[in-house]
């Protein structure tokens, strides 16, 4: 085990993978679901007061009568999806946590909401011009490496109807500037968030030159060692606009958060509204230059 642990003393390569699933781990997903459902927490889901403000803003800006079909990527247990459904949208949700999706299906049934939920990786979705609006909320986009972000945008473009809208949020370089590298540990005699068994948890925060940060958690039990690498990239406006533009998604507006707050340079989060540009529109625009 000491030889195995010595591997985790080294600084990981950029976007090095975890040794085990995080979102879909049988034990960890219990704690994640609890965090989603804690109304006053900004953990797995933002606090529910903000969630309501966010959905109110989006539904006023892009009402369901004009944008009826909505895809919620990383929907979790359906907190946003249910609010969208109650405002008249025909909602589809995708999430990588089986526990969260099962909860969402059951809860929607109890409330008699007709929401279509799917368990899986949204990087593998294959919709074609089915949605008027797509959402990706709580800075999930920045957790992906560059190649996966490009793949996701390609799939979002394909899934949107002509002139469809993509709304999402990211952390900014201003947030990155507040971060520091650090190490700590936690010993849980009775088990805890990371394992139901007794464990020692080694936590390390790393910063990389390209405005990317890593929160690494090494979980040590008497039986095994697991390493969870949670990555986050932090964006500038030009960088994120360039990534969207490469996928034929045109930025229409920036906001400081996904509840419509006016954008300020010091904001630590950035909400983007992007519209699908059809190939014929792109060619027409080039002709007028």
Foldseek 3Di string as FASTA:
>chain_A
DVVVVVVVVDDDDPPDAWPDDQCAPPQLVVVLLVQVPPQPDPPNHHHLVVLLLLLVQVCVVQPCVRWAEEEEEQCFLPSNVVVNQVRRHAYEYEHQYPVSQVNNVVVCVVVVGRYHYDHDDLLPDAAAQAGQEYEYEDAPLQQDDPVSNLSNLLRVLRNHHAFGKYKYKHFAVLLLVVDDWDKDKDWDCCDDSPDNHTWIKIWIWDADPQQKIWTWIWIDDPVDIIIHIGMGHHHDPVVVQVSNVVSQWHWDDKALHSSRHRDDPNRRMIMTMTTHDDPVNVVVVVVVD
